[in-house]
Amino acid sequence: MSIKKASLTENGVKNGTSRNVLERCASVNEYFDIAFKNKVVTVDNMKVKLQIWDTAGQERFRSVTHAYYRDAQALLLLYDITRKSSFDNIRAWLTEIYEYAQKDVVIMLLGNKSDMAAERVITHEEGEKLAKEYGVPFMETSAKTGVNVELAFHAIARELKHRNLEQPHEPKFKIHDYIESQKQKSNCCGGIM
């Protein structure tokens, strides 16, 4: 039986330009390793290195993810807008995150596969409602086309940078506001690639 996993990762750097694409991995024996990638994002002329650990939401990794949560500064939770079970699992992941992760961990909810609107089973509004319930930023992405992928990484990197360099006299960085302003700059729903 062939199973595929999909994740937002950097596929490589060509001539100094990174390309975010859908990474597709197939396995005959249904076994997947936890994927690990490094991504460097520039925020206000400062380089922020993101280490990305991807379990693709697989239940078999639930026991080892607790160790990753403890040290994580940010977590991107993705669900597939074309699969209700993927969305339904988000609550369980959030429960574990709140139990095992640092109290100040940055969490972002992403509805992936926005390019597959015809197959959509989870509405944008359902994603927004869940994100508001947990007080986390939300956006829809397409790992295939790149829509909002860079924005997600930049928003997380910017939040982390501001937290690490926060000065008492500076206004607090608001990740929700940043995401909305960047989406508006990119002509509403077209996204940042």
C-alpha atoms as a PDB file:
ATOM      1  CA  MET A   1       0.000   0.000   0.000  1.00  0.00           C
ATOM      2  CA  SER A   2       1.356   3.410  -0.895  1.00  0.00           C
ATOM      3  CA  ILE A   3       0.905   6.290   1.520  1.00  0.00           C
ATOM      4  CA  LYS A   4       1.890   9.891   0.853  1.00  0.00           C
ATOM      5  CA  LYS A   5       2.763  12.622   3.286  1.00  0.00           C
ATOM      6  CA  ALA A   6       2.654  16.300   2.460  1.00  0.00           C
ATOM      7  CA  SER A   7       4.482  19.072   4.248  1.00  0.00           C
ATOM      8  CA  LEU A   8       5.636  22.643   3.850  1.00  0.00           C
ATOM      9  CA  THR A   9       9.390  22.523   3.450  1.00  0.00           C
ATOM     10  CA  GLU A  10      12.144  24.259   1.585  1.00  0.00           C
ATOM     11  CA  ASN A  11      13.108  22.095  -1.366  1.00  0.00           C
ATOM     12  CA  GLY A  12      16.430  23.733  -1.913  1.00  0.00           C
ATOM     13  CA  VAL A  13      18.226  26.857  -2.893  1.00  0.00           C
ATOM     14  CA  LYS A  14      18.908  27.657  -6.518  1.00  0.00           C
ATOM     15  CA  ASN A  15      20.955  30.727  -7.385  1.00  0.00           C
ATOM     16  CA  GLY A  16      20.396  32.088  -3.870  1.00  0.00           C
ATOM     17  CA  THR A  17      16.595  31.891  -4.056  1.00  0.00           C
ATOM     18  CA  SER A  18      14.700  29.441  -1.895  1.00  0.00           C
ATOM     19  CA  ARG A  19      11.680  27.665  -3.315  1.00  0.00           C
ATOM     20  CA  ASN A  20       8.975  26.300  -1.060  1.00  0.00           C
ATOM     21  CA  VAL A  21       7.227  23.389  -2.626  1.00  0.00           C
ATOM     22  CA  LEU A  22       5.131  20.450  -1.624  1.00  0.00           C
ATOM     23  CA  GLU A  23       7.369  17.633  -0.530  1.00  0.00           C
ATOM     24  CA  ARG A  24       5.820  14.309  -1.491  1.00  0.00           C
ATOM     25  CA  CYS A  25       7.155  11.152  -0.002  1.00  0.00           C
ATOM     26  CA  ALA A  26       5.773   7.747  -0.845  1.00  0.00           C
ATOM     27  CA  SER A  27       6.428   4.588   1.050  1.00  0.00           C
ATOM     28  CA  VAL A  28       5.496   1.034   0.280  1.00  0.00           C
ATOM     29  CA  ASN A  29       5.810  -0.111   3.885  1.00  0.00           C
ATOM     30  CA  GLU A  30       3.943   2.836   5.439  1.00  0.00           C
ATOM     31  CA  TYR A  31       7.018   3.947   7.403  1.00  0.00           C
ATOM     32  CA  PHE A  32       8.143   7.571   7.447  1.00  0.00           C
ATOM     33  CA  ASP A  33      11.019   9.248   9.215  1.00  0.00           C
ATOM     34  CA  ILE A  34      10.509  12.553  10.931  1.00  0.00           C
ATOM     35  CA  ALA A  35      11.652  15.107   8.371  1.00  0.00           C
ATOM     36  CA  PHE A  36      14.104  17.801   9.457  1.00  0.00           C
ATOM     37  CA  LYS A  37      14.916  20.959   7.498  1.00  0.00           C
ATOM     38  CA  ASN A  38      16.701  24.222   8.183  1.00  0.00           C
ATOM     39  CA  LYS A  39      15.328  27.458   6.777  1.00  0.00           C
ATOM     40  CA  VAL A  40      16.893  30.887   7.150  1.00  0.00           C
ATOM     41  CA  VAL A  41      14.527  33.844   7.044  1.00  0.00           C
ATOM     42  CA  THR A  42      15.671  37.474   6.979  1.00  0.00           C
ATOM     43  CA  VAL A  43      13.720  39.779   9.296  1.00  0.00           C
ATOM     44  CA  ASP A  44      14.705  43.454   9.357  1.00  0.00           C
ATOM     45  CA  ASN A  45      18.206  42.633   8.059  1.00  0.00           C
ATOM     46  CA  MET A  46      18.634  39.947  10.722  1.00  0.00           C
ATOM     47  CA  LYS A  47      18.880  36.269   9.810  1.00  0.00           C
ATOM     48  CA  VAL A  48      16.593  33.955  11.783  1.00  0.00           C
ATOM     49  CA  LYS A  49      17.313  30.246  11.508  1.00  0.00           C
ATOM     50  CA  LEU A  50      14.282  28.012  11.720  1.00  0.00           C
ATOM     51  CA  GLN A  51      14.717  24.310  12.362  1.00  0.00           C
ATOM     52  CA  ILE A  52      11.669  22.534  11.001  1.00  0.00           C
ATOM     53  CA  TRP A  53      10.718  19.120  12.376  1.00  0.00           C
ATOM     54  CA  ASP A  54       7.890  17.519  10.442  1.00  0.00           C
ATOM     55  CA  THR A  55       5.953  14.495  11.699  1.00  0.00           C
ATOM     56  CA  ALA A  56       3.191  15.019   9.098  1.00  0.00           C
ATOM     57  CA  GLY A  57       0.699  14.574  11.930  1.00  0.00           C
ATOM     58  CA  GLN A  58       1.143  10.838  11.984  1.00  0.00           C
ATOM     59  CA  GLU A  59      -0.282   9.146  15.045  1.00  0.00           C
ATOM     60  CA  ARG A  60       2.726   6.814  15.318  1.00  0.00           C
ATOM     61  CA  PHE A  61       4.916   9.815  16.220  1.00  0.00           C
ATOM     62  CA  ARG A  62       2.614  11.150  18.945  1.00  0.00           C
ATOM     63  CA  SER A  63       4.737   9.618  21.713  1.00  0.00           C
ATOM     64  CA  VAL A  64       8.000  11.179  20.508  1.00  0.00           C
ATOM     65  CA  THR A  65       6.545  14.594  19.692  1.00  0.00           C
ATOM     66  CA  HIS A  66       6.334  15.413  23.416  1.00  0.00           C
ATOM     67  CA  ALA A  67      10.121  15.722  23.448  1.00  0.00           C
ATOM     68  CA  TYR A  68      10.023  18.114  20.480  1.00  0.00           C
ATOM     69  CA  TYR A  69       7.300  20.248  22.080  1.00  0.00           C
ATOM     70  CA  ARG A  70       9.403  20.893  25.189  1.00  0.00           C
ATOM     71  CA  ASP A  71      12.120  22.698  23.232  1.00  0.00           C
ATOM     72  CA  ALA A  72      10.025  24.227  20.464  1.00  0.00           C
ATOM     73  CA  GLN A  73       9.706  27.986  20.310  1.00  0.00           C
ATOM     74  CA  ALA A  74       7.081  27.846  17.551  1.00  0.00           C
ATOM     75  CA  LEU A  75       4.725  25.256  16.114  1.00  0.00           C
ATOM     76  CA  LEU A  76       2.926  25.317  12.771  1.00  0.00           C
ATOM     77  CA  LEU A  77      -0.115  23.054  12.816  1.00  0.00           C
ATOM     78  CA  LEU A  78      -1.302  22.095   9.353  1.00  0.00           C
ATOM     79  CA  TYR A  79      -4.505  20.414   8.361  1.00  0.00           C
ATOM     80  CA  ASP A  80      -5.671  19.396   4.908  1.00  0.00           C
ATOM     81  CA  ILE A  81      -8.766  21.396   3.857  1.00  0.00           C
ATOM     82  CA  THR A  82      -9.861  18.407   1.761  1.00  0.00           C
ATOM     83  CA  ARG A  83      -9.854  15.904   4.686  1.00  0.00           C
ATOM     84  CA  LYS A  84     -12.162  16.329   7.676  1.00  0.00           C
ATOM     85  CA  SER A  85     -10.154  13.834   9.762  1.00  0.00           C
ATOM     86  CA  SER A  86      -7.079  16.020   9.349  1.00  0.00           C
ATOM     87  CA  PHE A  87      -8.974  19.035  10.720  1.00  0.00           C
ATOM     88  CA  ASP A  88     -10.579  17.001  13.498  1.00  0.00           C
ATOM     89  CA  ASN A  89      -7.127  15.914  14.767  1.00  0.00           C
ATOM     90  CA  ILE A  90      -6.037  19.524  15.343  1.00  0.00           C
ATOM     91  CA  ARG A  91      -7.811  19.731  18.720  1.00  0.00           C
ATOM     92  CA  ALA A  92      -5.904  16.670  19.972  1.00  0.00           C
ATOM     93  CA  TRP A  93      -2.591  18.160  18.803  1.00  0.00           C
ATOM     94  CA  LEU A  94      -3.415  21.490  20.469  1.00  0.00           C
ATOM     95  CA  THR A  95      -4.285  19.715  23.714  1.00  0.00           C
ATOM     96  CA  GLU A  96      -0.895  17.997  23.692  1.00  0.00           C
ATOM     97  CA  ILE A  97       0.902  21.203  22.811  1.00  0.00           C
ATOM     98  CA  TYR A  98      -0.682  23.039  25.740  1.00  0.00           C
ATOM     99  CA  GLU A  99       0.226  20.137  28.011  1.00  0.00           C
ATOM    100  CA  TYR A 100       3.855  19.599  26.945  1.00  0.00           C
ATOM    101  CA  ALA A 101       5.139  22.748  25.193  1.00  0.00           C
ATOM    102  CA  GLN A 102       6.576  25.883  26.734  1.00  0.00           C
ATOM    103  CA  LYS A 103       3.879  28.287  27.919  1.00  0.00           C
ATOM    104  CA  ASP A 104       5.043  31.014  25.520  1.00  0.00           C
ATOM    105  CA  VAL A 105       5.329  28.820  22.399  1.00  0.00           C
ATOM    106  CA  VAL A 106       4.179  30.531  19.198  1.00  0.00           C
ATOM    107  CA  ILE A 107       1.439  28.505  17.523  1.00  0.00           C
ATOM    108  CA  MET A 108      -0.002  29.059  14.054  1.00  0.00           C
ATOM    109  CA  LEU A 109      -2.824  27.117  12.420  1.00  0.00           C
ATOM    110  CA  LEU A 110      -2.583  26.550   8.680  1.00  0.00           C
ATOM    111  CA  GLY A 111      -5.254  25.115   6.402  1.00  0.00           C
ATOM    112  CA  ASN A 112      -3.212  23.583   3.591  1.00  0.00           C
ATOM    113  CA  LYS A 113      -4.158  22.782  -0.025  1.00  0.00           C
ATOM    114  CA  SER A 114      -5.993  26.051  -0.676  1.00  0.00           C
ATOM    115  CA  ASP A 115      -5.319  25.359  -4.358  1.00  0.00           C
ATOM    116  CA  MET A 116      -7.829  22.483  -4.201  1.00  0.00           C
ATOM    117  CA  ALA A 117     -10.970  24.559  -3.601  1.00  0.00           C
ATOM    118  CA  ALA A 118     -13.187  22.160  -5.570  1.00  0.00           C
ATOM    119  CA  GLU A 119     -12.350  19.325  -3.135  1.00  0.00           C
ATOM    120  CA  ARG A 120     -12.666  21.502  -0.008  1.00  0.00           C
ATOM    121  CA  VAL A 121     -14.559  19.977   2.947  1.00  0.00           C
ATOM    122  CA  ILE A 122     -13.366  22.402   5.657  1.00  0.00           C
ATOM    123  CA  THR A 123     -14.442  26.005   5.109  1.00  0.00           C
ATOM    124  CA  HIS A 124     -12.136  28.949   5.682  1.00  0.00           C
ATOM    125  CA  GLU A 125     -14.558  30.092   8.381  1.00  0.00           C
ATOM    126  CA  GLU A 126     -14.234  26.772  10.254  1.00  0.00           C
ATOM    127  CA  GLY A 127     -10.455  27.203  10.317  1.00  0.00           C
ATOM    128  CA  GLU A 128     -10.763  30.788  11.532  1.00  0.00           C
ATOM    129  CA  LYS A 129     -13.252  29.765  14.227  1.00  0.00           C
ATOM    130  CA  LEU A 130     -10.937  27.057  15.583  1.00  0.00           C
ATOM    131  CA  ALA A 131      -7.969  29.430  15.550  1.00  0.00           C
ATOM    132  CA  LYS A 132      -9.946  32.093  17.450  1.00  0.00           C
ATOM    133  CA  GLU A 133     -11.078  29.492  19.977  1.00  0.00           C
ATOM    134  CA  TYR A 134      -7.424  28.738  20.797  1.00  0.00           C
ATOM    135  CA  GLY A 135      -6.161  32.306  20.296  1.00  0.00           C
ATOM    136  CA  VAL A 136      -3.734  31.430  17.493  1.00  0.00           C
ATOM    137  CA  PRO A 137      -3.186  33.074  14.111  1.00  0.00           C
ATOM    138  CA  PHE A 138      -4.685  31.356  11.074  1.00  0.00           C
ATOM    139  CA  MET A 139      -4.265  31.392   7.335  1.00  0.00           C
ATOM    140  CA  GLU A 140      -4.735  29.064   4.425  1.00  0.00           C
ATOM    141  CA  THR A 141      -1.735  27.962   2.410  1.00  0.00           C
ATOM    142  CA  SER A 142      -0.902  25.963  -0.653  1.00  0.00           C
ATOM    143  CA  ALA A 143       2.340  24.087  -0.424  1.00  0.00           C
ATOM    144  CA  LYS A 144       1.856  23.203  -4.095  1.00  0.00           C
ATOM    145  CA  THR A 145       1.595  26.783  -5.386  1.00  0.00           C
ATOM    146  CA  GLY A 146       3.435  28.476  -2.515  1.00  0.00           C
ATOM    147  CA  VAL A 147       0.512  30.732  -1.528  1.00  0.00           C
ATOM    148  CA  ASN A 148       1.134  32.124   1.965  1.00  0.00           C
ATOM    149  CA  VAL A 149       3.968  29.680   2.657  1.00  0.00           C
ATOM    150  CA  GLU A 150       6.630  32.375   2.936  1.00  0.00           C
ATOM    151  CA  LEU A 151       4.216  34.547   4.904  1.00  0.00           C
ATOM    152  CA  ALA A 152       3.770  31.777   7.486  1.00  0.00           C
ATOM    153  CA  PHE A 153       7.523  31.357   7.939  1.00  0.00           C
ATOM    154  CA  HIS A 154       8.155  35.118   7.981  1.00  0.00           C
ATOM    155  CA  ALA A 155       5.396  35.754  10.534  1.00  0.00           C
ATOM    156  CA  ILE A 156       6.791  33.095  12.869  1.00  0.00           C
ATOM    157  CA  ALA A 157      10.375  34.336  12.403  1.00  0.00           C
ATOM    158  CA  ARG A 158       9.329  37.944  13.004  1.00  0.00           C
ATOM    159  CA  GLU A 159       7.460  36.976  16.186  1.00  0.00           C
ATOM    160  CA  LEU A 160      10.469  35.030  17.484  1.00  0.00           C
ATOM    161  CA  LYS A 161      12.856  37.871  16.673  1.00  0.00           C
ATOM    162  CA  HIS A 162      10.675  40.402  18.462  1.00  0.00           C
ATOM    163  CA  ARG A 163      10.343  38.166  21.521  1.00  0.00           C
ATOM    164  CA  ASN A 164      14.095  37.683  21.747  1.00  0.00           C
ATOM    165  CA  LEU A 165      14.945  41.354  21.258  1.00  0.00           C
ATOM    166  CA  GLU A 166      11.932  42.917  22.955  1.00  0.00           C
ATOM    167  CA  GLN A 167      12.645  46.272  24.521  1.00  0.00           C
ATOM    168  CA  PRO A 168      10.375  47.700  27.250  1.00  0.00           C
ATOM    169  CA  HIS A 169       9.740  50.961  25.361  1.00  0.00           C
ATOM    170  CA  GLU A 170       8.893  49.322  22.027  1.00  0.00           C
ATOM    171  CA  PRO A 171       5.344  48.363  21.098  1.00  0.00           C
ATOM    172  CA  LYS A 172       4.625  44.628  21.265  1.00  0.00           C
ATOM    173  CA  PHE A 173       4.686  42.810  17.922  1.00  0.00           C
ATOM    174  CA  LYS A 174       1.247  41.468  17.015  1.00  0.00           C
ATOM    175  CA  ILE A 175       1.501  38.431  14.765  1.00  0.00           C
ATOM    176  CA  HIS A 176      -2.234  38.493  13.898  1.00  0.00           C
ATOM    177  CA  ASP A 177      -1.987  42.099  12.674  1.00  0.00           C
ATOM    178  CA  TYR A 178       1.211  41.382  10.753  1.00  0.00           C
ATOM    179  CA  ILE A 179      -0.386  38.459   8.880  1.00  0.00           C
ATOM    180  CA  GLU A 180      -3.470  40.504   7.965  1.00  0.00           C
ATOM    181  CA  SER A 181      -1.399  43.462   6.744  1.00  0.00           C
ATOM    182  CA  GLN A 182       0.793  41.210   4.598  1.00  0.00           C
ATOM    183  CA  LYS A 183      -2.230  39.434   3.094  1.00  0.00           C
ATOM    184  CA  GLN A 184      -3.723  42.821   2.196  1.00  0.00           C
ATOM    185  CA  LYS A 185      -0.452  43.905   0.566  1.00  0.00           C
ATOM    186  CA  SER A 186      -0.525  40.813  -1.634  1.00  0.00           C
ATOM    187  CA  ASN A 187      -3.934  41.628  -3.107  1.00  0.00           C
ATOM    188  CA  CYS A 188      -6.115  39.858  -0.553  1.00  0.00           C
ATOM    189  CA  CYS A 189      -6.303  36.159  -1.170  1.00  0.00           C
ATOM    190  CA  GLY A 190      -3.467  35.709  -3.672  1.00  0.00           C
ATOM    191  CA  GLY A 191      -1.001  35.234  -0.868  1.00  0.00           C
ATOM    192  CA  ILE A 192       2.710  35.697  -0.597  1.00  0.00           C
ATOM    193  CA  MET A 193       4.866  33.134  -2.295  1.00  0.00           C
END
